[in-house]
Structures are given as C-alpha cells and as structure tokens.
Amino acid sequence: MIATILLQASGGLGSYTQLVPMVLIIVVFYFFMIRPQVKKQKDQKKYVEELKKGDRVITTAGIHGRIVDLNDTTFLVEVENGKIRFDKSAISLEASKALNTPVVEKKA
C-alpha cells in the first residue's frame, strides 16, 4: 500500500516538471515576439498622430511625397505629377523617419 502511494505521489510531481518547459517557452515567446511588436505598433500610431502639413513621408508602397492635407483617417500627398490620397496606416515609419533625419557629416 505504501508503494502505491509513493508511485502516485511521484506521478503527480512528474506532470509539473513537464509543465515548466512549456511555461518557459510561452514567457520567452512573449518577450521576444509579442512585446516588441506591440511597442512597434504604439510607435507607429504616435508617429502618424504627430504628422502635420509639409512633412515629407514615404508610404508602405514606396511613394515619396509631402503632406498637403490631413483628415481624421486620410492624408493628401503631393507627388511629382499630382496629388494622391492615402489612408494614414499607409505611412512607413522607418522609411519616413530616415527621410526626415538630417545627415550628420563626420569631420576628418
């Protein structure tokens, strides 16, 4: 009888040791995949909200232009041959920031 009790107790402990690696995988997945993506989405939303007339932008389709008019959900971009209306979600954050960042020259 004591042997069966010990076997049952050790079987219960084994299920917890199998659960620990799964929990660790979920934690690592959260910190390396989900959390950075949420931060990137917040940065994108903040950047789009701070846009104003005259800002130079690049869309996700690669179109370069200058903002002429802003609405709640769209903006009008002046390109070389005319004007095009885009949704605000079409702005590429990385490309637009790189376009507007001044180039610092190194002194030799």
Protein backbone atom coordinates (compact mmCIF):
# COMPACT_ATOMS: atom_id res chain seq x y z
CA MET A 1 0.00 0.00 0.00
CA ILE A 2 2.79 2.41 0.81
CA ALA A 3 4.42 1.57 -2.53
CA THR A 4 1.29 2.56 -4.46
CA ILE A 5 1.01 5.83 -2.55
CA LEU A 6 4.64 6.65 -3.36
CA LEU A 7 4.12 5.82 -7.04
CA GLN A 8 1.06 8.07 -7.21
CA ALA A 9 2.90 10.91 -5.48
CA SER A 10 5.83 10.72 -7.87
CA GLY A 11 3.46 10.65 -10.89
CA GLY A 12 1.85 13.90 -9.77
CA LEU A 13 5.23 15.58 -9.44
CA GLY A 14 6.22 14.46 -12.94
CA SER A 15 3.34 16.34 -14.54
CA TYR A 16 4.56 19.61 -13.01
CA THR A 17 8.06 19.11 -14.33
CA GLN A 18 6.61 18.68 -17.82
CA LEU A 19 4.66 21.91 -17.43
CA VAL A 20 7.68 24.06 -16.54
CA PRO A 21 9.31 23.96 -20.02
CA MET A 22 6.00 24.90 -21.66
CA VAL A 23 5.64 27.91 -19.35
CA LEU A 24 9.22 28.96 -20.11
CA ILE A 25 8.58 28.71 -23.86
CA ILE A 26 5.50 30.92 -23.52
CA VAL A 27 7.41 33.51 -21.47
CA VAL A 28 10.28 33.62 -23.98
CA PHE A 29 7.81 33.86 -26.87
CA TYR A 30 6.11 36.82 -25.17
CA PHE A 31 9.32 38.78 -24.54
CA PHE A 32 10.91 38.14 -27.95
CA MET A 33 7.87 38.23 -30.24
CA ILE A 34 4.72 39.82 -28.80
CA ARG A 35 6.12 42.64 -26.66
CA PRO A 36 8.36 44.20 -29.37
CA GLN A 37 5.51 44.06 -31.89
CA VAL A 38 3.15 45.90 -29.51
CA LYS A 39 5.84 48.56 -28.91
CA LYS A 40 6.34 48.98 -32.65
CA GLN A 41 2.58 49.43 -33.18
CA LYS A 42 2.44 52.11 -30.46
CA ASP A 43 5.36 53.97 -32.05
CA GLN A 44 3.67 53.82 -35.47
CA LYS A 45 0.41 55.18 -34.07
CA LYS A 46 2.19 58.00 -32.23
CA TYR A 47 4.16 58.97 -35.34
CA VAL A 48 1.03 59.08 -37.51
CA GLU A 49 -0.80 61.24 -34.95
CA GLU A 50 2.08 63.75 -34.89
CA LEU A 51 2.15 64.29 -38.68
CA LYS A 52 1.41 67.78 -39.96
CA LYS A 53 1.22 69.62 -43.27
CA GLY A 54 4.54 69.93 -45.03
CA ASP A 55 6.06 66.73 -43.58
CA ARG A 56 7.82 64.53 -46.08
CA VAL A 57 6.72 60.89 -45.94
CA ILE A 58 7.23 57.57 -47.65
CA THR A 59 4.30 55.19 -47.91
CA THR A 60 4.49 51.42 -47.49
CA ALA A 61 4.17 51.22 -51.29
CA GLY A 62 7.35 53.30 -51.64
CA ILE A 63 5.74 56.54 -52.81
CA HIS A 64 7.66 59.65 -51.72
CA GLY A 65 5.82 62.90 -51.19
CA ARG A 66 4.90 65.85 -49.00
CA ILE A 67 1.71 66.06 -46.93
CA VAL A 68 -0.65 68.74 -48.27
CA ASP A 69 -3.85 67.99 -46.33
CA LEU A 70 -4.78 65.87 -43.28
CA ASN A 71 -8.15 64.38 -42.34
CA ASP A 72 -9.11 62.05 -39.50
CA THR A 73 -8.20 58.86 -41.34
CA THR A 74 -6.56 60.00 -44.59
CA PHE A 75 -3.93 62.39 -45.86
CA LEU A 76 -3.25 64.00 -49.22
CA VAL A 77 0.31 63.60 -50.52
CA GLU A 78 1.76 65.82 -53.20
CA VAL A 79 3.99 63.83 -55.52
CA GLU A 80 5.90 64.91 -58.61
CA ASN A 81 2.94 64.68 -61.04
CA GLY A 82 -0.02 65.48 -58.83
CA LYS A 83 -1.70 64.62 -55.54
CA ILE A 84 -2.74 61.24 -54.13
CA ARG A 85 -4.95 60.49 -51.12
CA PHE A 86 -3.78 57.71 -48.76
CA ASP A 87 -5.01 56.12 -45.57
CA LYS A 88 -2.91 57.09 -42.53
CA SER A 89 -1.96 53.46 -41.97
CA ALA A 90 -0.08 53.53 -45.30
CA ILE A 91 2.84 55.53 -43.86
CA SER A 92 6.11 53.65 -43.40
CA LEU A 93 7.52 54.71 -40.03
CA GLU A 94 11.12 53.58 -40.58
CA ALA A 95 11.45 54.97 -44.09
CA SER A 96 9.81 58.29 -43.23
CA LYS A 97 11.99 58.79 -40.17
CA ALA A 98 15.10 58.03 -42.21
CA LEU A 99 13.96 60.53 -44.85
CA ASN A 100 13.45 63.33 -42.31
CA THR A 101 16.57 62.70 -40.20
CA PRO A 102 19.34 65.15 -41.05
CA VAL A 103 22.62 63.60 -42.17
CA VAL A 104 25.48 64.36 -39.79
CA GLU A 105 28.80 64.70 -41.56
CA LYS A 106 31.95 63.49 -39.82
CA LYS A 107 34.87 65.90 -39.65
CA ALA A 108 38.16 64.42 -40.76
